Amino acid sequence: MSGNETLLWGLFLAAVAGLLYFDLRVVHRRAHVPSLREALLWSLVWVSLAFLFNLGVLHARGTEKALQFFTGYLIELSLSIDNLFVFLLIFSFFEVPPEHEHRVLFWGILGAIVMRGLFIAAGIALLHLFHWVIYLFGAFLVFSGIKIGFSKKDESMHPDRNPVFRLFRKFIPLSPGYEGGQFTIRREGKLLATPLLAVLFVVETSDIVFALDSVPAILAITTDPFIVYTSNIFAILGLRSFYFALAGVMRLFRFIRYGLAFILAYIGLKMLLSDLYPIPVTTSLLVIVCALALSILASVLIPHRVDMVIEPGDPKKEGGGTGEDP
């Protein structure tokens, strides 16, 4: 690694550490539920920082690397949107107080930064040592895209089926309820984990599942470690703000999963065809943008079918009695 490369890595990691510290100690020093306006503002801040960084990549590395970063960032950001549904499910299952959701996401993302680095390093090493691994990655992405596209909505990951959560609950003593924003408490001389720590463990293990899709997808665009890692991390950093911005309006994007399924299948095919017909980065960028735009447009324009809700005891209920008062 050259001196300039080392300097770039050092500056990037220092900037990420500074941003995370500022976010935890200044912006969210007091536990609260971010308003939609605040969440949208911070979402814009994180996206703007990614674009500014991309300008730096353009200046330092040239147009090709800048396009690779932008395409990789867009892929990771689009796949991260799907993660929001899982986070919402986890928080709902554990009944996490809304004012502490940001704390869990913060530490979850900090762990994801480390784990993504390990996954990316392992993936790049495999591709350099065994070129045929690219076909395994490609086939896995095509399979993942088909699975997401044809799976039913209720087949999402359920927190109670998470093996790590089961082990956590079996071997680690839990306090009966939440203790503010604390992950652990000491009671009668005994250290107890709070349910908030269990939630953090589930969030961390779910990110491993996400990485199985996202890391091979970005490796189809480039194997440059700096571009792969930085585009990945910028997408992850904005995830918390996007969660609070989109949590209340997720139903507007109910077709986004089909767009993500198509993107995964397309990236998988790109990897499978890499030796026969290398697809330009600009083409991949156009395909990804169109897939996202069409899925979001369909979510907004196609009316959502709402089934009539029948209260218990309603005489209109199917098979329901005579209509007389009970």
C-alpha atoms as a PDB file:
ATOM      1  CA  MET A   1       0.000   0.000   0.000  1.00  0.00           C
ATOM      2  CA  SER A   2       1.446   3.373  -1.046  1.00  0.00           C
ATOM      3  CA  GLY A   3       1.822   6.374   1.221  1.00  0.00           C
ATOM      4  CA  ASN A   4      -1.074   8.180  -0.459  1.00  0.00           C
ATOM      5  CA  GLU A   5      -3.262   5.088  -0.068  1.00  0.00           C
ATOM      6  CA  THR A   6      -2.443   4.848   3.638  1.00  0.00           C
ATOM      7  CA  LEU A   7      -3.208   8.530   4.066  1.00  0.00           C
ATOM      8  CA  LEU A   8      -6.603   8.124   2.349  1.00  0.00           C
ATOM      9  CA  TRP A   9      -7.505   5.203   4.610  1.00  0.00           C
ATOM     10  CA  GLY A  10      -6.399   7.121   7.684  1.00  0.00           C
ATOM     11  CA  LEU A  11      -8.359  10.246   6.775  1.00  0.00           C
ATOM     12  CA  PHE A  12     -11.493   8.244   5.972  1.00  0.00           C
ATOM     13  CA  LEU A  13     -11.452   6.225   9.203  1.00  0.00           C
ATOM     14  CA  ALA A  14     -10.718   9.343  11.248  1.00  0.00           C
ATOM     15  CA  ALA A  15     -13.616  11.181   9.569  1.00  0.00           C
ATOM     16  CA  VAL A  16     -15.998   8.273  10.256  1.00  0.00           C
ATOM     17  CA  ALA A  17     -14.912   8.135  13.906  1.00  0.00           C
ATOM     18  CA  GLY A  18     -15.415  11.892  14.235  1.00  0.00           C
ATOM     19  CA  LEU A  19     -18.866  11.782  12.633  1.00  0.00           C
ATOM     20  CA  LEU A  20     -19.990   8.919  14.883  1.00  0.00           C
ATOM     21  CA  TYR A  21     -18.712  10.691  18.001  1.00  0.00           C
ATOM     22  CA  PHE A  22     -20.465  13.916  17.007  1.00  0.00           C
ATOM     23  CA  ASP A  23     -23.680  12.011  16.307  1.00  0.00           C
ATOM     24  CA  LEU A  24     -23.673  10.173  19.654  1.00  0.00           C
ATOM     25  CA  ARG A  25     -22.328  12.857  21.985  1.00  0.00           C
ATOM     26  CA  VAL A  26     -23.767  16.010  20.443  1.00  0.00           C
ATOM     27  CA  VAL A  27     -26.756  15.380  18.179  1.00  0.00           C
ATOM     28  CA  HIS A  28     -28.300  12.499  20.148  1.00  0.00           C
ATOM     29  CA  ARG A  29     -26.871  13.174  23.606  1.00  0.00           C
ATOM     30  CA  ARG A  30     -30.441  13.226  24.913  1.00  0.00           C
ATOM     31  CA  ALA A  31     -32.575  10.176  24.135  1.00  0.00           C
ATOM     32  CA  HIS A  32     -35.517  11.249  21.985  1.00  0.00           C
ATOM     33  CA  VAL A  33     -37.589  10.210  19.001  1.00  0.00           C
ATOM     34  CA  PRO A  34     -36.352  12.158  15.949  1.00  0.00           C
ATOM     35  CA  SER A  35     -39.097  14.067  14.187  1.00  0.00           C
ATOM     36  CA  LEU A  36     -39.716  13.467  10.491  1.00  0.00           C
ATOM     37  CA  ARG A  37     -38.157  16.850   9.726  1.00  0.00           C
ATOM     38  CA  GLU A  38     -35.026  16.023  11.751  1.00  0.00           C
ATOM     39  CA  ALA A  39     -34.729  12.575  10.174  1.00  0.00           C
ATOM     40  CA  LEU A  40     -35.095  13.969   6.660  1.00  0.00           C
ATOM     41  CA  LEU A  41     -32.533  16.678   7.391  1.00  0.00           C
ATOM     42  CA  TRP A  42     -29.959  14.174   8.637  1.00  0.00           C
ATOM     43  CA  SER A  43     -30.700  11.852   5.724  1.00  0.00           C
ATOM     44  CA  LEU A  44     -29.865  14.754   3.412  1.00  0.00           C
ATOM     45  CA  VAL A  45     -26.676  15.430   5.399  1.00  0.00           C
ATOM     46  CA  TRP A  46     -25.436  11.827   5.058  1.00  0.00           C
ATOM     47  CA  VAL A  47     -26.249  11.674   1.339  1.00  0.00           C
ATOM     48  CA  SER A  48     -24.523  15.033   0.808  1.00  0.00           C
ATOM     49  CA  LEU A  49     -21.408  13.789   2.623  1.00  0.00           C
ATOM     50  CA  ALA A  50     -21.348  10.732   0.346  1.00  0.00           C
ATOM     51  CA  PHE A  51     -21.575  12.957  -2.732  1.00  0.00           C
ATOM     52  CA  LEU A  52     -18.802  15.234  -1.427  1.00  0.00           C
ATOM     53  CA  PHE A  53     -16.644  12.198  -0.811  1.00  0.00           C
ATOM     54  CA  ASN A  54     -17.393  11.014  -4.339  1.00  0.00           C
ATOM     55  CA  LEU A  55     -16.137  14.348  -5.658  1.00  0.00           C
ATOM     56  CA  GLY A  56     -12.945  13.706  -3.708  1.00  0.00           C
ATOM     57  CA  VAL A  57     -12.667  10.270  -5.335  1.00  0.00           C
ATOM     58  CA  LEU A  58     -13.201  11.887  -8.750  1.00  0.00           C
ATOM     59  CA  HIS A  59     -10.399  14.371  -8.088  1.00  0.00           C
ATOM     60  CA  ALA A  60      -7.964  11.821  -6.619  1.00  0.00           C
ATOM     61  CA  ARG A  61      -8.759   8.668  -8.608  1.00  0.00           C
ATOM     62  CA  GLY A  62     -10.514   9.740 -11.809  1.00  0.00           C
ATOM     63  CA  THR A  63     -13.898   9.221 -13.461  1.00  0.00           C
ATOM     64  CA  GLU A  64     -13.908   5.407 -13.503  1.00  0.00           C
ATOM     65  CA  LYS A  65     -13.340   5.087  -9.744  1.00  0.00           C
ATOM     66  CA  ALA A  66     -15.893   7.820  -9.052  1.00  0.00           C
ATOM     67  CA  LEU A  67     -18.495   5.930 -11.107  1.00  0.00           C
ATOM     68  CA  GLN A  68     -17.645   2.723  -9.259  1.00  0.00           C
ATOM     69  CA  PHE A  69     -18.090   4.440  -5.905  1.00  0.00           C
ATOM     70  CA  PHE A  70     -21.411   5.984  -6.919  1.00  0.00           C
ATOM     71  CA  THR A  71     -22.757   2.708  -8.328  1.00  0.00           C
ATOM     72  CA  GLY A  72     -21.610   0.783  -5.262  1.00  0.00           C
ATOM     73  CA  TYR A  73     -23.101   3.379  -2.933  1.00  0.00           C
ATOM     74  CA  LEU A  74     -26.407   3.240  -4.785  1.00  0.00           C
ATOM     75  CA  ILE A  75     -26.478  -0.574  -4.598  1.00  0.00           C
ATOM     76  CA  GLU A  76     -25.710  -0.611  -0.882  1.00  0.00           C
ATOM     77  CA  LEU A  77     -28.200   2.166  -0.186  1.00  0.00           C
ATOM     78  CA  SER A  78     -30.970   0.398  -2.096  1.00  0.00           C
ATOM     79  CA  LEU A  79     -30.285  -2.902  -0.330  1.00  0.00           C
ATOM     80  CA  SER A  80     -30.209  -1.070   2.999  1.00  0.00           C
ATOM     81  CA  ILE A  81     -33.771   0.110   2.428  1.00  0.00           C
ATOM     82  CA  ASP A  82     -34.856  -3.516   2.687  1.00  0.00           C
ATOM     83  CA  ASN A  83     -33.055  -3.709   6.048  1.00  0.00           C
ATOM     84  CA  LEU A  84     -35.385  -1.051   7.425  1.00  0.00           C
ATOM     85  CA  PHE A  85     -38.293  -3.467   7.297  1.00  0.00           C
ATOM     86  CA  VAL A  86     -36.318  -5.954   9.393  1.00  0.00           C
ATOM     87  CA  PHE A  87     -35.343  -3.280  11.916  1.00  0.00           C
ATOM     88  CA  LEU A  88     -38.968  -2.255  12.220  1.00  0.00           C
ATOM     89  CA  LEU A  89     -39.937  -5.886  12.815  1.00  0.00           C
ATOM     90  CA  ILE A  90     -37.231  -6.343  15.463  1.00  0.00           C
ATOM     91  CA  PHE A  91     -38.146  -3.187  17.358  1.00  0.00           C
ATOM     92  CA  SER A  92     -41.840  -4.051  17.224  1.00  0.00           C
ATOM     93  CA  PHE A  93     -41.238  -7.616  18.426  1.00  0.00           C
ATOM     94  CA  PHE A  94     -39.169  -6.497  21.417  1.00  0.00           C
ATOM     95  CA  GLU A  95     -41.397  -3.449  22.047  1.00  0.00           C
ATOM     96  CA  VAL A  96     -38.353  -1.184  22.186  1.00  0.00           C
ATOM     97  CA  PRO A  97     -39.183   2.301  23.509  1.00  0.00           C
ATOM     98  CA  PRO A  98     -38.952   4.603  20.458  1.00  0.00           C
ATOM     99  CA  GLU A  99     -36.577   6.997  22.225  1.00  0.00           C
ATOM    100  CA  HIS A 100     -33.970   4.209  22.545  1.00  0.00           C
ATOM    101  CA  GLU A 101     -34.142   2.885  18.985  1.00  0.00           C
ATOM    102  CA  HIS A 102     -31.444   5.289  17.835  1.00  0.00           C
ATOM    103  CA  ARG A 103     -29.043   4.027  20.523  1.00  0.00           C
ATOM    104  CA  VAL A 104     -29.468   0.437  19.353  1.00  0.00           C
ATOM    105  CA  LEU A 105     -29.003   1.431  15.709  1.00  0.00           C
ATOM    106  CA  PHE A 106     -25.898   3.471  16.560  1.00  0.00           C
ATOM    107  CA  TRP A 107     -24.065   0.586  18.228  1.00  0.00           C
ATOM    108  CA  GLY A 108     -25.437  -1.855  15.678  1.00  0.00           C
ATOM    109  CA  ILE A 109     -23.987   0.212  12.861  1.00  0.00           C
ATOM    110  CA  LEU A 110     -20.666   0.528  14.707  1.00  0.00           C
ATOM    111  CA  GLY A 111     -20.480  -3.257  14.803  1.00  0.00           C
ATOM    112  CA  ALA A 112     -21.526  -3.424  11.139  1.00  0.00           C
ATOM    113  CA  ILE A 113     -18.594  -1.160  10.175  1.00  0.00           C
ATOM    114  CA  VAL A 114     -16.180  -3.706  11.643  1.00  0.00           C
ATOM    115  CA  MET A 115     -17.960  -6.791  10.287  1.00  0.00           C
ATOM    116  CA  ARG A 116     -18.341  -5.366   6.782  1.00  0.00           C
ATOM    117  CA  GLY A 117     -14.588  -4.748   6.715  1.00  0.00           C
ATOM    118  CA  LEU A 118     -13.945  -8.406   7.549  1.00  0.00           C
ATOM    119  CA  PHE A 119     -16.475  -9.639   4.969  1.00  0.00           C
ATOM    120  CA  ILE A 120     -15.055  -7.386   2.241  1.00  0.00           C
ATOM    121  CA  ALA A 121     -11.447  -8.392   2.988  1.00  0.00           C
ATOM    122  CA  ALA A 122     -12.416 -12.079   2.877  1.00  0.00           C
ATOM    123  CA  GLY A 123     -14.409 -11.652  -0.341  1.00  0.00           C
ATOM    124  CA  ILE A 124     -11.633  -9.803  -2.160  1.00  0.00           C
ATOM    125  CA  ALA A 125      -9.042 -12.347  -1.006  1.00  0.00           C
ATOM    126  CA  LEU A 126     -11.192 -15.212  -2.288  1.00  0.00           C
ATOM    127  CA  LEU A 127     -11.684 -13.542  -5.669  1.00  0.00           C
ATOM    128  CA  HIS A 128      -7.941 -12.943  -6.058  1.00  0.00           C
ATOM    129  CA  LEU A 129      -6.978 -16.466  -5.016  1.00  0.00           C
ATOM    130  CA  PHE A 130      -9.835 -18.353  -6.649  1.00  0.00           C
ATOM    131  CA  HIS A 131     -11.349 -16.547  -9.620  1.00  0.00           C
ATOM    132  CA  TRP A 132     -14.096 -19.167  -9.963  1.00  0.00           C
ATOM    133  CA  VAL A 133     -15.587 -17.922  -6.672  1.00  0.00           C
ATOM    134  CA  ILE A 134     -17.118 -15.070  -8.695  1.00  0.00           C
ATOM    135  CA  TYR A 135     -19.494 -17.611 -10.238  1.00  0.00           C
ATOM    136  CA  LEU A 136     -20.563 -18.788  -6.775  1.00  0.00           C
ATOM    137  CA  PHE A 137     -21.208 -15.169  -5.751  1.00  0.00           C
ATOM    138  CA  GLY A 138     -23.146 -14.566  -8.952  1.00  0.00           C
ATOM    139  CA  ALA A 139     -25.298 -17.684  -8.569  1.00  0.00           C
ATOM    140  CA  PHE A 140     -25.984 -16.809  -4.926  1.00  0.00           C
ATOM    141  CA  LEU A 141     -27.160 -13.311  -5.866  1.00  0.00           C
ATOM    142  CA  VAL A 142     -29.432 -14.623  -8.624  1.00  0.00           C
ATOM    143  CA  PHE A 143     -30.905 -17.120  -6.146  1.00  0.00           C
ATOM    144  CA  SER A 144     -31.356 -14.359  -3.524  1.00  0.00           C
ATOM    145  CA  GLY A 145     -33.108 -12.119  -6.048  1.00  0.00           C
ATOM    146  CA  ILE A 146     -35.514 -14.882  -7.071  1.00  0.00           C
ATOM    147  CA  LYS A 147     -36.180 -15.784  -3.446  1.00  0.00           C
ATOM    148  CA  ILE A 148     -36.965 -12.174  -2.475  1.00  0.00           C
ATOM    149  CA  GLY A 149     -39.134 -11.653  -5.554  1.00  0.00           C
ATOM    150  CA  PHE A 150     -41.281 -14.732  -4.985  1.00  0.00           C
ATOM    151  CA  SER A 151     -41.319 -14.945  -1.194  1.00  0.00           C
ATOM    152  CA  LYS A 152     -44.424 -13.962   0.713  1.00  0.00           C
ATOM    153  CA  LYS A 153     -44.420 -10.863   2.844  1.00  0.00           C
ATOM    154  CA  ASP A 154     -44.767 -12.826   6.089  1.00  0.00           C
ATOM    155  CA  GLU A 155     -41.645 -14.868   5.366  1.00  0.00           C
ATOM    156  CA  SER A 156     -39.403 -12.113   6.695  1.00  0.00           C
ATOM    157  CA  MET A 157     -36.872 -12.888   9.402  1.00  0.00           C
ATOM    158  CA  HIS A 158     -38.596 -13.263  12.770  1.00  0.00           C
ATOM    159  CA  PRO A 159     -36.539 -12.239  15.816  1.00  0.00           C
ATOM    160  CA  ASP A 160     -37.761 -15.178  17.909  1.00  0.00           C
ATOM    161  CA  ARG A 161     -36.293 -17.564  15.290  1.00  0.00           C
ATOM    162  CA  ASN A 162     -32.863 -15.933  15.497  1.00  0.00           C
ATOM    163  CA  PRO A 163     -30.477 -18.614  16.871  1.00  0.00           C
ATOM    164  CA  VAL A 164     -28.227 -16.024  18.515  1.00  0.00           C
ATOM    165  CA  PHE A 165     -31.216 -14.588  20.394  1.00  0.00           C
ATOM    166  CA  ARG A 166     -32.174 -18.079  21.565  1.00  0.00           C
ATOM    167  CA  LEU A 167     -28.644 -18.700  22.871  1.00  0.00           C
ATOM    168  CA  PHE A 168     -28.541 -15.234  24.394  1.00  0.00           C
ATOM    169  CA  ARG A 169     -31.787 -15.799  26.258  1.00  0.00           C
ATOM    170  CA  LYS A 170     -30.681 -19.268  27.382  1.00  0.00           C
ATOM    171  CA  PHE A 171     -27.237 -18.452  28.755  1.00  0.00           C
ATOM    172  CA  ILE A 172     -27.323 -14.760  29.692  1.00  0.00           C
ATOM    173  CA  PRO A 173     -29.503 -13.582  32.602  1.00  0.00           C
ATOM    174  CA  LEU A 174     -31.921 -10.849  31.544  1.00  0.00           C
ATOM    175  CA  SER A 175     -33.542  -8.129  33.590  1.00  0.00           C
ATOM    176  CA  PRO A 176     -37.352  -8.266  33.539  1.00  0.00           C
ATOM    177  CA  GLY A 177     -37.712  -4.963  31.681  1.00  0.00           C
ATOM    178  CA  TYR A 178     -35.942  -2.074  29.999  1.00  0.00           C
ATOM    179  CA  GLU A 179     -33.704   0.111  32.151  1.00  0.00           C
ATOM    180  CA  GLY A 180     -33.718   3.335  30.198  1.00  0.00           C
ATOM    181  CA  GLY A 181     -31.011   3.225  27.545  1.00  0.00           C
ATOM    182  CA  GLN A 182     -28.760   0.849  29.506  1.00  0.00           C
ATOM    183  CA  PHE A 183     -27.526  -2.401  27.971  1.00  0.00           C
ATOM    184  CA  THR A 184     -26.515  -3.892  31.329  1.00  0.00           C
ATOM    185  CA  ILE A 185     -27.376  -3.252  34.979  1.00  0.00           C
ATOM    186  CA  ARG A 186     -26.022  -4.503  38.286  1.00  0.00           C
ATOM    187  CA  ARG A 187     -28.617  -5.700  40.750  1.00  0.00           C
ATOM    188  CA  GLU A 188     -27.836  -7.312  44.124  1.00  0.00           C
ATOM    189  CA  GLY A 189     -24.216  -7.662  43.037  1.00  0.00           C
ATOM    190  CA  LYS A 190     -25.178  -9.565  39.880  1.00  0.00           C
ATOM    191  CA  LEU A 191     -24.615  -8.246  36.374  1.00  0.00           C
ATOM    192  CA  LEU A 192     -27.733  -8.537  34.221  1.00  0.00           C
ATOM    193  CA  ALA A 193     -28.289  -7.811  30.545  1.00  0.00           C
ATOM    194  CA  THR A 194     -31.310  -5.727  29.685  1.00  0.00           C
ATOM    195  CA  PRO A 195     -33.638  -6.594  26.782  1.00  0.00           C
ATOM    196  CA  LEU A 196     -31.977  -3.697  24.923  1.00  0.00           C
ATOM    197  CA  LEU A 197     -28.738  -5.720  24.742  1.00  0.00           C
ATOM    198  CA  ALA A 198     -30.684  -8.685  23.340  1.00  0.00           C
ATOM    199  CA  VAL A 199     -32.119  -6.380  20.673  1.00  0.00           C
ATOM    200  CA  LEU A 200     -28.600  -5.193  19.803  1.00  0.00           C
ATOM    201  CA  PHE A 201     -27.449  -8.802  19.396  1.00  0.00           C
ATOM    202  CA  VAL A 202     -30.322  -9.553  17.017  1.00  0.00           C
ATOM    203  CA  VAL A 203     -29.593  -6.394  14.998  1.00  0.00           C
ATOM    204  CA  GLU A 204     -25.906  -7.348  14.739  1.00  0.00           C
ATOM    205  CA  THR A 205     -26.644 -10.899  13.578  1.00  0.00           C
ATOM    206  CA  SER A 206     -29.207  -9.648  11.067  1.00  0.00           C
ATOM    207  CA  ASP A 207     -26.488  -7.432   9.553  1.00  0.00           C
ATOM    208  CA  ILE A 208     -24.427 -10.556   8.896  1.00  0.00           C
ATOM    209  CA  VAL A 209     -27.343 -11.848   6.823  1.00  0.00           C
ATOM    210  CA  PHE A 210     -27.536  -8.519   4.977  1.00  0.00           C
ATOM    211  CA  ALA A 211     -23.801  -8.624   4.262  1.00  0.00           C
ATOM    212  CA  LEU A 212     -24.161 -11.979   2.493  1.00  0.00           C
ATOM    213  CA  ASP A 213     -26.100 -10.150  -0.237  1.00  0.00           C
ATOM    214  CA  SER A 214     -24.538  -6.704  -0.224  1.00  0.00           C
ATOM    215  CA  VAL A 215     -20.833  -7.578  -0.209  1.00  0.00           C
ATOM    216  CA  PRO A 216     -20.950  -9.886  -3.286  1.00  0.00           C
ATOM    217  CA  ALA A 217     -23.108  -7.271  -5.032  1.00  0.00           C
ATOM    218  CA  ILE A 218     -20.549  -4.505  -4.621  1.00  0.00           C
ATOM    219  CA  LEU A 219     -17.695  -6.872  -5.562  1.00  0.00           C
ATOM    220  CA  ALA A 220     -19.408  -7.288  -8.935  1.00  0.00           C
ATOM    221  CA  ILE A 221     -18.744  -3.585  -9.554  1.00  0.00           C
ATOM    222  CA  THR A 222     -15.163  -3.343  -8.308  1.00  0.00           C
ATOM    223  CA  THR A 223     -12.633  -5.207  -6.161  1.00  0.00           C
ATOM    224  CA  ASP A 224     -10.812  -2.028  -5.140  1.00  0.00           C
ATOM    225  CA  PRO A 225     -10.853  -2.360  -1.302  1.00  0.00           C
ATOM    226  CA  PHE A 226     -11.044   1.391  -0.715  1.00  0.00           C
ATOM    227  CA  ILE A 227     -13.982   1.934  -3.078  1.00  0.00           C
ATOM    228  CA  VAL A 228     -15.832  -1.166  -1.841  1.00  0.00           C
ATOM    229  CA  TYR A 229     -15.447  -0.327   1.846  1.00  0.00           C
ATOM    230  CA  THR A 230     -16.103   3.410   1.658  1.00  0.00           C
ATOM    231  CA  SER A 231     -19.245   3.052  -0.470  1.00  0.00           C
ATOM    232  CA  ASN A 232     -20.488   0.382   1.933  1.00  0.00           C
ATOM    233  CA  ILE A 233     -19.844   2.446   5.044  1.00  0.00           C
ATOM    234  CA  PHE A 234     -21.409   5.638   3.678  1.00  0.00           C
ATOM    235  CA  ALA A 235     -24.598   3.683   2.953  1.00  0.00           C
ATOM    236  CA  ILE A 236     -24.574   2.200   6.465  1.00  0.00           C
ATOM    237  CA  LEU A 237     -23.961   5.557   8.163  1.00  0.00           C
ATOM    238  CA  GLY A 238     -27.131   7.046   6.724  1.00  0.00           C
ATOM    239  CA  LEU A 239     -29.243   4.039   7.639  1.00  0.00           C
ATOM    240  CA  ARG A 240     -30.392   5.326  11.043  1.00  0.00           C
ATOM    241  CA  SER A 241     -31.726   8.590   9.641  1.00  0.00           C
ATOM    242  CA  PHE A 242     -33.425   6.770   6.772  1.00  0.00           C
ATOM    243  CA  TYR A 243     -35.059   4.430   9.284  1.00  0.00           C
ATOM    244  CA  PHE A 244     -36.731   7.271  11.179  1.00  0.00           C
ATOM    245  CA  ALA A 245     -37.569   9.112   7.960  1.00  0.00           C
ATOM    246  CA  LEU A 246     -39.188   6.117   6.282  1.00  0.00           C
ATOM    247  CA  ALA A 247     -40.601   4.166   9.240  1.00  0.00           C
ATOM    248  CA  GLY A 248     -43.882   6.048   9.077  1.00  0.00           C
ATOM    249  CA  VAL A 249     -44.307   5.872   5.306  1.00  0.00           C
ATOM    250  CA  MET A 250     -42.901   2.439   4.419  1.00  0.00           C
ATOM    251  CA  ARG A 251     -46.193   1.289   2.941  1.00  0.00           C
ATOM    252  CA  LEU A 252     -45.678   3.774   0.125  1.00  0.00           C
ATOM    253  CA  PHE A 253     -42.748   1.631  -1.023  1.00  0.00           C
ATOM    254  CA  ARG A 254     -44.344  -1.815  -0.793  1.00  0.00           C
ATOM    255  CA  PHE A 255     -43.029  -2.730  -4.281  1.00  0.00           C
ATOM    256  CA  ILE A 256     -39.423  -1.839  -3.417  1.00  0.00           C
ATOM    257  CA  ARG A 257     -38.675  -5.488  -2.637  1.00  0.00           C
ATOM    258  CA  TYR A 258     -39.314  -6.391  -6.285  1.00  0.00           C
ATOM    259  CA  GLY A 259     -36.903  -3.690  -7.400  1.00  0.00           C
ATOM    260  CA  LEU A 260     -34.295  -5.030  -4.964  1.00  0.00           C
ATOM    261  CA  ALA A 261     -34.927  -8.591  -6.176  1.00  0.00           C
ATOM    262  CA  PHE A 262     -34.315  -7.484  -9.776  1.00  0.00           C
ATOM    263  CA  ILE A 263     -31.136  -5.621  -8.789  1.00  0.00           C
ATOM    264  CA  LEU A 264     -29.707  -8.655  -6.984  1.00  0.00           C
ATOM    265  CA  ALA A 265     -30.533 -10.964  -9.918  1.00  0.00           C
ATOM    266  CA  TYR A 266     -29.029  -8.476 -12.397  1.00  0.00           C
ATOM    267  CA  ILE A 267     -25.797  -8.106 -10.392  1.00  0.00           C
ATOM    268  CA  GLY A 268     -25.587 -11.891 -10.123  1.00  0.00           C
ATOM    269  CA  LEU A 269     -25.920 -12.259 -13.898  1.00  0.00           C
ATOM    270  CA  LYS A 270     -23.279  -9.558 -14.327  1.00  0.00           C
ATOM    271  CA  MET A 271     -20.856 -11.639 -12.255  1.00  0.00           C
ATOM    272  CA  LEU A 272     -21.713 -14.849 -14.125  1.00  0.00           C
ATOM    273  CA  LEU A 273     -21.104 -13.136 -17.479  1.00  0.00           C
ATOM    274  CA  SER A 274     -18.024 -11.181 -16.364  1.00  0.00           C
ATOM    275  CA  ASP A 275     -15.584 -13.278 -18.396  1.00  0.00           C
ATOM    276  CA  LEU A 276     -17.800 -13.543 -21.481  1.00  0.00           C
ATOM    277  CA  TYR A 277     -19.293 -10.065 -21.636  1.00  0.00           C
ATOM    278  CA  PRO A 278     -18.105  -7.466 -19.100  1.00  0.00           C
ATOM    279  CA  ILE A 279     -20.966  -5.021 -18.513  1.00  0.00           C
ATOM    280  CA  PRO A 280     -19.825  -1.372 -18.191  1.00  0.00           C
ATOM    281  CA  VAL A 281     -20.327   0.397 -14.856  1.00  0.00           C
ATOM    282  CA  THR A 282     -22.438   3.088 -16.536  1.00  0.00           C
ATOM    283  CA  THR A 283     -24.873   0.424 -17.792  1.00  0.00           C
ATOM    284  CA  SER A 284     -25.170  -1.093 -14.323  1.00  0.00           C
ATOM    285  CA  LEU A 285     -25.777   2.341 -12.833  1.00  0.00           C
ATOM    286  CA  LEU A 286     -28.576   3.030 -15.330  1.00  0.00           C
ATOM    287  CA  VAL A 287     -30.223  -0.359 -14.682  1.00  0.00           C
ATOM    288  CA  ILE A 288     -30.134   0.123 -10.903  1.00  0.00           C
ATOM    289  CA  VAL A 289     -31.561   3.644 -11.059  1.00  0.00           C
ATOM    290  CA  CYS A 290     -34.381   2.544 -13.381  1.00  0.00           C
ATOM    291  CA  ALA A 291     -35.256  -0.480 -11.218  1.00  0.00           C
ATOM    292  CA  LEU A 292     -35.470   1.657  -8.071  1.00  0.00           C
ATOM    293  CA  ALA A 293     -37.403   4.432  -9.788  1.00  0.00           C
ATOM    294  CA  LEU A 294     -39.961   2.049 -11.300  1.00  0.00           C
ATOM    295  CA  SER A 295     -40.534   0.159  -8.029  1.00  0.00           C
ATOM    296  CA  ILE A 296     -41.008   3.395  -6.071  1.00  0.00           C
ATOM    297  CA  LEU A 297     -43.245   4.867  -8.794  1.00  0.00           C
ATOM    298  CA  ALA A 298     -45.378   1.701  -8.812  1.00  0.00           C
ATOM    299  CA  SER A 299     -45.657   1.872  -5.007  1.00  0.00           C
ATOM    300  CA  VAL A 300     -46.963   5.426  -5.184  1.00  0.00           C
ATOM    301  CA  LEU A 301     -49.265   5.132  -8.227  1.00  0.00           C
ATOM    302  CA  ILE A 302     -50.865   1.708  -7.741  1.00  0.00           C
ATOM    303  CA  PRO A 303     -53.602   1.894  -5.109  1.00  0.00           C
ATOM    304  CA  HIS A 304     -53.103  -0.245  -2.028  1.00  0.00           C
ATOM    305  CA  ARG A 305     -55.934  -2.741  -1.607  1.00  0.00           C
ATOM    306  CA  VAL A 306     -57.346  -2.405   1.891  1.00  0.00           C
ATOM    307  CA  ASP A 307     -59.520  -5.281   3.070  1.00  0.00           C
ATOM    308  CA  MET A 308     -62.623  -4.406   5.064  1.00  0.00           C
ATOM    309  CA  VAL A 309     -61.891  -4.750   8.757  1.00  0.00           C
ATOM    310  CA  ILE A 310     -64.691  -6.566  10.595  1.00  0.00           C
ATOM    311  CA  GLU A 311     -64.897  -6.154  14.320  1.00  0.00           C
ATOM    312  CA  PRO A 312     -65.567  -9.211  16.518  1.00  0.00           C
ATOM    313  CA  GLY A 313     -69.295  -9.762  16.867  1.00  0.00           C
ATOM    314  CA  ASP A 314     -70.053  -7.894  13.634  1.00  0.00           C
ATOM    315  CA  PRO A 315     -73.136  -9.508  12.039  1.00  0.00           C
ATOM    316  CA  LYS A 316     -71.451  -9.107   8.607  1.00  0.00           C
ATOM    317  CA  LYS A 317     -68.646 -11.423   9.671  1.00  0.00           C
ATOM    318  CA  GLU A 318     -68.406 -14.437   7.416  1.00  0.00           C
ATOM    319  CA  GLY A 319     -70.327 -17.289   9.006  1.00  0.00           C
ATOM    320  CA  GLY A 320     -71.358 -14.927  11.760  1.00  0.00           C
ATOM    321  CA  GLY A 321     -74.717 -15.758  13.378  1.00  0.00           C
ATOM    322  CA  THR A 322     -77.989 -14.017  12.933  1.00  0.00           C
ATOM    323  CA  GLY A 323     -77.005 -10.449  13.503  1.00  0.00           C
ATOM    324  CA  GLU A 324     -78.723 -10.396  16.888  1.00  0.00           C
ATOM    325  CA  ASP A 325     -77.006  -8.826  19.842  1.00  0.00           C
ATOM    326  CA  PRO A 326     -75.198 -11.393  21.962  1.00  0.00           C
END
